[in-house]
Amino acid sequence: MEKRSIRIALMWVRFPPGPFMDSKKLGRFGEKIARDYLKEKGYKILARNFKRKWGEIDIVAKKRRNIVFIEVKTIHQKEGFYPEDQIDWRKKRQLIKMAQIYLQEFKISLNSPWQIDIIAIEVSLNSQRVKIKHYKNAIEDIY
């Protein structure tokens, strides 16, 4: 696994028309922003919302030879609160398990290079701007 790093990007976006947004719509909107951001950075999207009874991985992507499992957290901008704060040790353990299940189901060696990233998105309704924080290799298999 590669060293952890963080990349911060600001994007101007056009919000969908209509009343804004319950938490499910906000989550889907954040995942779309994350996919667009990843594609722009050279990632190939392999799967969206990979679900099994143990949990879900929002995005599975590939960059070079690495398989990247991505958890996306989206919130309306709030002072002193960050979307990545929502990921506790239980969620981390679940993401590791789901990554391993994905690798097994698609017959990818567990020794292949893979990592779990977090993309945290803060939506500002007033400025129609989003702040994207991409934490690379944010969760390690230490459980």
N, C-alpha and C. Protein backbone atom coordinates (compact mmCIF):
# COMPACT_ATOMS: atom_id res chain seq x y z
N MET A 1 0.83 -1.18 0.00
CA MET A 1 0.00 0.00 0.00
C MET A 1 0.88 1.25 0.00
N GLU A 2 0.43 2.28 -0.70
CA GLU A 2 1.22 3.49 -0.77
C GLU A 2 0.97 4.38 0.44
N LYS A 3 1.84 5.37 0.63
CA LYS A 3 1.69 6.30 1.74
C LYS A 3 0.40 7.08 1.65
N ARG A 4 -0.11 7.49 2.80
CA ARG A 4 -1.33 8.29 2.83
C ARG A 4 -1.03 9.70 2.35
N SER A 5 -1.98 10.25 1.62
CA SER A 5 -1.87 11.65 1.21
C SER A 5 -3.26 12.22 1.09
N ILE A 6 -3.33 13.53 1.06
CA ILE A 6 -4.62 14.20 0.91
C ILE A 6 -4.51 15.21 -0.22
N ARG A 7 -5.55 15.26 -1.02
CA ARG A 7 -5.64 16.25 -2.10
C ARG A 7 -6.95 17.01 -1.88
N ILE A 8 -6.87 18.32 -1.95
CA ILE A 8 -8.05 19.16 -1.77
C ILE A 8 -8.33 19.89 -3.08
N ALA A 9 -9.58 19.85 -3.51
CA ALA A 9 -9.97 20.53 -4.74
C ALA A 9 -11.27 21.29 -4.50
N LEU A 10 -11.41 22.40 -5.17
CA LEU A 10 -12.67 23.15 -5.17
C LEU A 10 -13.26 23.06 -6.55
N MET A 11 -14.55 22.84 -6.63
CA MET A 11 -15.22 22.76 -7.92
C MET A 11 -16.49 23.60 -7.87
N TRP A 12 -16.79 24.24 -8.99
CA TRP A 12 -18.06 24.91 -9.15
C TRP A 12 -18.99 23.92 -9.83
N VAL A 13 -20.18 23.76 -9.30
CA VAL A 13 -21.11 22.79 -9.86
C VAL A 13 -22.48 23.43 -10.04
N ARG A 14 -23.23 22.86 -10.95
CA ARG A 14 -24.62 23.27 -11.12
C ARG A 14 -25.46 22.26 -10.34
N PHE A 15 -26.21 22.76 -9.37
CA PHE A 15 -27.02 21.88 -8.57
C PHE A 15 -28.27 21.46 -9.35
N PRO A 16 -28.77 20.27 -9.08
CA PRO A 16 -29.98 19.82 -9.76
C PRO A 16 -31.15 20.75 -9.43
N PRO A 17 -32.07 20.92 -10.38
CA PRO A 17 -33.23 21.78 -10.11
C PRO A 17 -34.14 21.14 -9.08
N GLY A 18 -34.96 21.97 -8.48
CA GLY A 18 -35.95 21.46 -7.53
C GLY A 18 -35.48 21.64 -6.10
N PRO A 19 -36.31 21.20 -5.16
CA PRO A 19 -35.96 21.37 -3.75
C PRO A 19 -34.70 20.59 -3.42
N PHE A 20 -33.88 21.18 -2.61
CA PHE A 20 -32.58 20.60 -2.27
C PHE A 20 -32.62 20.21 -0.82
N MET A 21 -32.10 19.24 -0.50
CA MET A 21 -31.90 17.85 -0.83
C MET A 21 -32.05 17.07 0.44
N ASP A 22 -32.74 15.96 0.39
CA ASP A 22 -32.73 15.06 1.53
C ASP A 22 -31.39 14.33 1.54
N SER A 23 -31.12 13.57 2.58
CA SER A 23 -29.79 12.97 2.73
C SER A 23 -29.47 11.97 1.62
N LYS A 24 -30.47 11.24 1.12
CA LYS A 24 -30.21 10.29 0.03
C LYS A 24 -29.83 11.01 -1.25
N LYS A 25 -30.58 12.06 -1.59
CA LYS A 25 -30.25 12.84 -2.79
C LYS A 25 -28.88 13.48 -2.66
N LEU A 26 -28.60 14.00 -1.48
CA LEU A 26 -27.30 14.61 -1.24
C LEU A 26 -26.19 13.58 -1.40
N GLY A 27 -26.39 12.38 -0.89
CA GLY A 27 -25.40 11.31 -1.04
C GLY A 27 -25.17 10.92 -2.49
N ARG A 28 -26.26 10.76 -3.26
CA ARG A 28 -26.12 10.43 -4.69
C ARG A 28 -25.42 11.56 -5.45
N PHE A 29 -25.77 12.80 -5.11
CA PHE A 29 -25.14 13.96 -5.73
C PHE A 29 -23.63 13.95 -5.43
N GLY A 30 -23.26 13.68 -4.19
CA GLY A 30 -21.86 13.61 -3.79
C GLY A 30 -21.12 12.50 -4.51
N GLU A 31 -21.75 11.35 -4.67
CA GLU A 31 -21.11 10.24 -5.39
C GLU A 31 -20.88 10.58 -6.85
N LYS A 32 -21.81 11.30 -7.46
CA LYS A 32 -21.62 11.73 -8.86
C LYS A 32 -20.44 12.70 -8.96
N ILE A 33 -20.37 13.64 -8.04
CA ILE A 33 -19.24 14.58 -8.02
C ILE A 33 -17.94 13.81 -7.85
N ALA A 34 -17.93 12.83 -6.95
CA ALA A 34 -16.73 12.04 -6.71
C ALA A 34 -16.31 11.27 -7.97
N ARG A 35 -17.29 10.66 -8.66
CA ARG A 35 -16.96 9.93 -9.90
C ARG A 35 -16.37 10.86 -10.95
N ASP A 36 -16.98 12.04 -11.12
CA ASP A 36 -16.47 13.02 -12.09
C ASP A 36 -15.04 13.43 -11.72
N TYR A 37 -14.82 13.68 -10.45
CA TYR A 37 -13.50 14.07 -9.96
C TYR A 37 -12.48 12.96 -10.25
N LEU A 38 -12.85 11.71 -9.94
CA LEU A 38 -11.93 10.58 -10.15
C LEU A 38 -11.60 10.40 -11.63
N LYS A 39 -12.62 10.49 -12.49
CA LYS A 39 -12.38 10.36 -13.93
C LYS A 39 -11.41 11.44 -14.41
N GLU A 40 -11.60 12.65 -13.91
CA GLU A 40 -10.72 13.76 -14.28
C GLU A 40 -9.27 13.50 -13.84
N LYS A 41 -9.10 12.74 -12.76
CA LYS A 41 -7.77 12.43 -12.23
C LYS A 41 -7.20 11.13 -12.82
N GLY A 42 -7.88 10.54 -13.80
CA GLY A 42 -7.34 9.37 -14.49
C GLY A 42 -7.75 8.02 -13.95
N TYR A 43 -8.76 7.98 -13.08
CA TYR A 43 -9.25 6.71 -12.56
C TYR A 43 -10.28 6.13 -13.53
N LYS A 44 -10.33 4.82 -13.60
CA LYS A 44 -11.37 4.13 -14.36
C LYS A 44 -12.36 3.57 -13.34
N ILE A 45 -13.62 3.91 -13.48
CA ILE A 45 -14.65 3.44 -12.55
C ILE A 45 -15.03 2.01 -12.92
N LEU A 46 -14.88 1.09 -11.98
CA LEU A 46 -15.20 -0.32 -12.20
C LEU A 46 -16.59 -0.68 -11.69
N ALA A 47 -17.01 -0.07 -10.58
CA ALA A 47 -18.32 -0.40 -10.00
C ALA A 47 -18.80 0.76 -9.15
N ARG A 48 -20.13 0.85 -9.06
CA ARG A 48 -20.78 1.83 -8.19
C ARG A 48 -21.68 1.08 -7.23
N ASN A 49 -21.70 1.50 -6.00
CA ASN A 49 -22.60 0.94 -4.98
C ASN A 49 -22.55 -0.58 -4.96
N PHE A 50 -21.36 -1.13 -4.76
CA PHE A 50 -21.18 -2.57 -4.63
C PHE A 50 -21.74 -2.99 -3.27
N LYS A 51 -22.88 -3.72 -3.28
CA LYS A 51 -23.60 -4.05 -2.05
C LYS A 51 -23.61 -5.55 -1.81
N ARG A 52 -23.43 -5.90 -0.57
CA ARG A 52 -23.65 -7.25 -0.08
C ARG A 52 -24.30 -7.10 1.29
N LYS A 53 -24.67 -8.21 1.91
CA LYS A 53 -25.40 -8.09 3.17
C LYS A 53 -24.56 -7.47 4.28
N TRP A 54 -23.23 -7.46 4.12
CA TRP A 54 -22.35 -6.90 5.16
C TRP A 54 -22.12 -5.41 4.99
N GLY A 55 -22.49 -4.86 3.84
CA GLY A 55 -22.26 -3.43 3.65
C GLY A 55 -22.20 -3.03 2.20
N GLU A 56 -21.61 -1.88 1.96
CA GLU A 56 -21.55 -1.32 0.62
C GLU A 56 -20.26 -0.54 0.44
N ILE A 57 -19.75 -0.57 -0.78
CA ILE A 57 -18.65 0.30 -1.17
C ILE A 57 -19.22 1.24 -2.23
N ASP A 58 -19.03 2.53 -2.02
CA ASP A 58 -19.63 3.52 -2.92
C ASP A 58 -19.06 3.44 -4.33
N ILE A 59 -17.73 3.41 -4.45
CA ILE A 59 -17.09 3.39 -5.77
C ILE A 59 -15.90 2.43 -5.73
N VAL A 60 -15.79 1.63 -6.77
CA VAL A 60 -14.59 0.82 -6.98
C VAL A 60 -13.97 1.35 -8.27
N ALA A 61 -12.69 1.69 -8.20
CA ALA A 61 -12.01 2.27 -9.36
C ALA A 61 -10.64 1.62 -9.52
N LYS A 62 -10.02 1.96 -10.64
CA LYS A 62 -8.68 1.44 -10.89
C LYS A 62 -7.83 2.60 -11.41
N LYS A 63 -6.62 2.69 -10.89
CA LYS A 63 -5.65 3.66 -11.40
C LYS A 63 -4.33 2.93 -11.51
N ARG A 64 -3.84 2.92 -12.72
CA ARG A 64 -2.67 2.10 -13.06
C ARG A 64 -3.00 0.66 -12.69
N ARG A 65 -2.21 0.05 -11.82
CA ARG A 65 -2.48 -1.34 -11.44
C ARG A 65 -3.27 -1.45 -10.13
N ASN A 66 -3.49 -0.35 -9.46
CA ASN A 66 -4.14 -0.37 -8.14
C ASN A 66 -5.66 -0.40 -8.25
N ILE A 67 -6.26 -1.27 -7.45
CA ILE A 67 -7.71 -1.24 -7.25
C ILE A 67 -7.94 -0.30 -6.06
N VAL A 68 -8.86 0.64 -6.24
CA VAL A 68 -9.12 1.64 -5.21
C VAL A 68 -10.59 1.57 -4.82
N PHE A 69 -10.83 1.30 -3.54
CA PHE A 69 -12.18 1.27 -2.98
C PHE A 69 -12.41 2.63 -2.32
N ILE A 70 -13.51 3.27 -2.66
CA ILE A 70 -13.70 4.65 -2.24
C ILE A 70 -15.01 4.80 -1.47
N GLU A 71 -14.90 5.35 -0.28
CA GLU A 71 -16.04 5.72 0.54
C GLU A 71 -16.26 7.21 0.36
N VAL A 72 -17.48 7.60 -0.02
CA VAL A 72 -17.80 9.00 -0.25
C VAL A 72 -18.72 9.48 0.88
N LYS A 73 -18.35 10.58 1.50
CA LYS A 73 -19.18 11.21 2.53
C LYS A 73 -19.45 12.64 2.10
N THR A 74 -20.73 13.01 2.08
CA THR A 74 -21.15 14.33 1.62
C THR A 74 -22.01 14.99 2.67
N ILE A 75 -21.73 16.27 2.94
CA ILE A 75 -22.56 17.05 3.86
C ILE A 75 -22.76 18.45 3.31
N HIS A 76 -23.80 19.13 3.82
CA HIS A 76 -23.91 20.58 3.61
C HIS A 76 -22.84 21.19 4.49
N GLN A 77 -22.23 22.26 4.03
CA GLN A 77 -21.15 22.88 4.79
C GLN A 77 -21.63 23.29 6.17
N LYS A 78 -20.89 22.87 7.19
CA LYS A 78 -21.20 23.24 8.57
C LYS A 78 -19.89 23.64 9.25
N GLU A 79 -19.97 24.62 10.07
CA GLU A 79 -18.78 25.08 10.79
C GLU A 79 -18.36 24.03 11.81
N GLY A 80 -17.10 23.62 11.77
CA GLY A 80 -16.55 22.72 12.77
C GLY A 80 -16.92 21.25 12.60
N PHE A 81 -17.56 20.89 11.51
CA PHE A 81 -17.93 19.49 11.29
C PHE A 81 -17.51 19.10 9.89
N TYR A 82 -16.91 17.94 9.76
CA TYR A 82 -16.38 17.49 8.48
C TYR A 82 -16.96 16.13 8.12
N PRO A 83 -17.20 15.88 6.83
CA PRO A 83 -17.84 14.62 6.43
C PRO A 83 -17.02 13.39 6.84
N GLU A 84 -15.70 13.51 6.79
CA GLU A 84 -14.86 12.36 7.13
C GLU A 84 -14.97 11.96 8.60
N ASP A 85 -15.52 12.85 9.45
CA ASP A 85 -15.72 12.54 10.87
C ASP A 85 -16.73 11.41 11.06
N GLN A 86 -17.54 11.14 10.05
CA GLN A 86 -18.59 10.11 10.17
C GLN A 86 -18.04 8.69 10.05
N ILE A 87 -16.76 8.54 9.74
CA ILE A 87 -16.20 7.21 9.53
C ILE A 87 -15.50 6.76 10.80
N ASP A 88 -16.17 5.88 11.54
CA ASP A 88 -15.61 5.36 12.78
C ASP A 88 -14.93 4.02 12.55
N TRP A 89 -14.44 3.40 13.60
CA TRP A 89 -13.70 2.14 13.46
C TRP A 89 -14.58 1.01 12.92
N ARG A 90 -15.88 1.03 13.24
CA ARG A 90 -16.78 -0.01 12.71
C ARG A 90 -16.90 0.11 11.19
N LYS A 91 -17.06 1.35 10.71
CA LYS A 91 -17.17 1.58 9.26
C LYS A 91 -15.86 1.20 8.58
N LYS A 92 -14.75 1.51 9.19
CA LYS A 92 -13.45 1.14 8.61
C LYS A 92 -13.33 -0.38 8.49
N ARG A 93 -13.72 -1.08 9.53
CA ARG A 93 -13.66 -2.55 9.51
C ARG A 93 -14.58 -3.11 8.42
N GLN A 94 -15.77 -2.52 8.29
CA GLN A 94 -16.73 -2.95 7.27
C GLN A 94 -16.16 -2.70 5.87
N LEU A 95 -15.52 -1.57 5.64
CA LEU A 95 -14.95 -1.26 4.33
C LEU A 95 -13.84 -2.25 3.97
N ILE A 96 -13.02 -2.61 4.92
CA ILE A 96 -11.96 -3.59 4.67
C ILE A 96 -12.57 -4.93 4.29
N LYS A 97 -13.60 -5.35 5.03
CA LYS A 97 -14.27 -6.63 4.73
C LYS A 97 -14.89 -6.60 3.33
N MET A 98 -15.56 -5.50 3.00
CA MET A 98 -16.19 -5.39 1.68
C MET A 98 -15.16 -5.37 0.56
N ALA A 99 -14.03 -4.73 0.78
CA ALA A 99 -12.96 -4.72 -0.22
C ALA A 99 -12.46 -6.14 -0.46
N GLN A 100 -12.27 -6.89 0.60
CA GLN A 100 -11.81 -8.27 0.47
C GLN A 100 -12.86 -9.13 -0.24
N ILE A 101 -14.13 -8.92 0.05
CA ILE A 101 -15.20 -9.66 -0.64
C ILE A 101 -15.18 -9.34 -2.12
N TYR A 102 -15.05 -8.07 -2.48
CA TYR A 102 -15.00 -7.67 -3.89
C TYR A 102 -13.83 -8.39 -4.59
N LEU A 103 -12.67 -8.36 -3.97
CA LEU A 103 -11.50 -9.00 -4.58
C LEU A 103 -11.73 -10.50 -4.78
N GLN A 104 -12.31 -11.14 -3.79
CA GLN A 104 -12.58 -12.58 -3.90
C GLN A 104 -13.62 -12.87 -4.98
N GLU A 105 -14.71 -12.11 -5.01
CA GLU A 105 -15.77 -12.36 -5.99
C GLU A 105 -15.28 -12.17 -7.42
N PHE A 106 -14.38 -11.22 -7.63
CA PHE A 106 -13.88 -10.96 -8.97
C PHE A 106 -12.54 -11.65 -9.24
N LYS A 107 -12.21 -12.59 -8.33
CA LYS A 107 -11.01 -13.43 -8.49
C LYS A 107 -9.74 -12.60 -8.71
N ILE A 108 -9.62 -11.57 -7.88
CA ILE A 108 -8.43 -10.73 -7.88
C ILE A 108 -7.62 -11.13 -6.65
N SER A 109 -6.36 -11.41 -6.84
CA SER A 109 -5.52 -11.84 -5.74
C SER A 109 -5.51 -10.81 -4.62
N LEU A 110 -5.59 -11.30 -3.37
CA LEU A 110 -5.52 -10.39 -2.23
C LEU A 110 -4.14 -9.76 -2.12
N ASN A 111 -3.17 -10.31 -2.84
CA ASN A 111 -1.83 -9.74 -2.86
C ASN A 111 -1.69 -8.64 -3.91
N SER A 112 -2.71 -8.45 -4.74
CA SER A 112 -2.68 -7.36 -5.72
C SER A 112 -2.71 -6.03 -4.99
N PRO A 113 -2.15 -4.98 -5.59
CA PRO A 113 -2.17 -3.68 -4.90
C PRO A 113 -3.59 -3.11 -4.84
N TRP A 114 -4.04 -2.81 -3.63
CA TRP A 114 -5.34 -2.20 -3.43
C TRP A 114 -5.28 -1.28 -2.23
N GLN A 115 -6.23 -0.36 -2.20
CA GLN A 115 -6.28 0.58 -1.08
C GLN A 115 -7.70 1.08 -0.92
N ILE A 116 -7.95 1.68 0.24
CA ILE A 116 -9.25 2.27 0.52
C ILE A 116 -9.04 3.77 0.72
N ASP A 117 -9.73 4.55 -0.10
CA ASP A 117 -9.67 6.01 -0.03
C ASP A 117 -10.98 6.55 0.52
N ILE A 118 -10.91 7.76 1.02
CA ILE A 118 -12.11 8.48 1.45
C ILE A 118 -12.17 9.77 0.64
N ILE A 119 -13.34 10.04 0.09
CA ILE A 119 -13.58 11.34 -0.54
C ILE A 119 -14.66 12.04 0.28
N ALA A 120 -14.27 13.16 0.88
CA ALA A 120 -15.16 13.95 1.72
C ALA A 120 -15.58 15.19 0.93
N ILE A 121 -16.88 15.40 0.82
CA ILE A 121 -17.41 16.50 0.01
C ILE A 121 -18.27 17.40 0.88
N GLU A 122 -17.94 18.69 0.86
CA GLU A 122 -18.73 19.70 1.55
C GLU A 122 -19.43 20.54 0.50
N VAL A 123 -20.75 20.59 0.56
CA VAL A 123 -21.55 21.32 -0.41
C VAL A 123 -21.95 22.67 0.17
N SER A 124 -21.67 23.73 -0.56
CA SER A 124 -22.10 25.07 -0.18
C SER A 124 -23.24 25.48 -1.10
N LEU A 125 -24.44 25.54 -0.56
CA LEU A 125 -25.61 25.87 -1.38
C LEU A 125 -25.58 27.31 -1.86
N ASN A 126 -25.08 28.20 -1.05
CA ASN A 126 -25.08 29.62 -1.41
C ASN A 126 -24.17 29.91 -2.60
N SER A 127 -22.99 29.33 -2.61
CA SER A 127 -22.03 29.66 -3.66
C SER A 127 -22.02 28.66 -4.80
N GLN A 128 -22.85 27.62 -4.69
CA GLN A 128 -22.85 26.53 -5.68
C GLN A 128 -21.44 26.00 -5.90
N ARG A 129 -20.78 25.75 -4.80
CA ARG A 129 -19.39 25.30 -4.82
C ARG A 129 -19.29 24.06 -3.93
N VAL A 130 -18.41 23.16 -4.30
CA VAL A 130 -18.14 22.01 -3.45
C VAL A 130 -16.64 21.97 -3.14
N LYS A 131 -16.35 21.52 -1.95
CA LYS A 131 -14.97 21.30 -1.55
C LYS A 131 -14.77 19.80 -1.46
N ILE A 132 -13.78 19.30 -2.17
CA ILE A 132 -13.51 17.87 -2.21
C ILE A 132 -12.17 17.62 -1.51
N LYS A 133 -12.20 16.71 -0.54
CA LYS A 133 -10.96 16.26 0.09
C LYS A 133 -10.82 14.78 -0.22
N HIS A 134 -9.72 14.43 -0.85
CA HIS A 134 -9.46 13.04 -1.25
C HIS A 134 -8.33 12.50 -0.38
N TYR A 135 -8.68 11.63 0.55
CA TYR A 135 -7.71 10.99 1.43
C TYR A 135 -7.31 9.67 0.79
N LYS A 136 -6.09 9.61 0.29
CA LYS A 136 -5.64 8.38 -0.37
C LYS A 136 -5.10 7.41 0.68
N ASN A 137 -5.43 6.12 0.46
CA ASN A 137 -4.97 5.06 1.35
C ASN A 137 -5.28 5.40 2.81
N ALA A 138 -6.52 5.82 3.06
CA ALA A 138 -6.90 6.33 4.37
C ALA A 138 -7.17 5.25 5.40
N ILE A 139 -7.44 4.03 4.94
CA ILE A 139 -7.78 2.95 5.87
C ILE A 139 -6.88 1.77 5.57
N GLU A 140 -6.17 1.33 6.59
CA GLU A 140 -5.28 0.19 6.42
C GLU A 140 -5.87 -1.04 7.08
N ASP A 141 -5.49 -2.19 6.60
CA ASP A 141 -5.98 -3.47 7.13
C ASP A 141 -5.21 -3.82 8.40
N ILE A 142 -5.65 -3.25 9.53
CA ILE A 142 -4.97 -3.49 10.79
C ILE A 142 -5.87 -4.21 11.79
N TYR A 143 -7.06 -4.62 11.36
CA TYR A 143 -8.02 -5.22 12.28
C TYR A 143 -7.89 -6.71 12.33
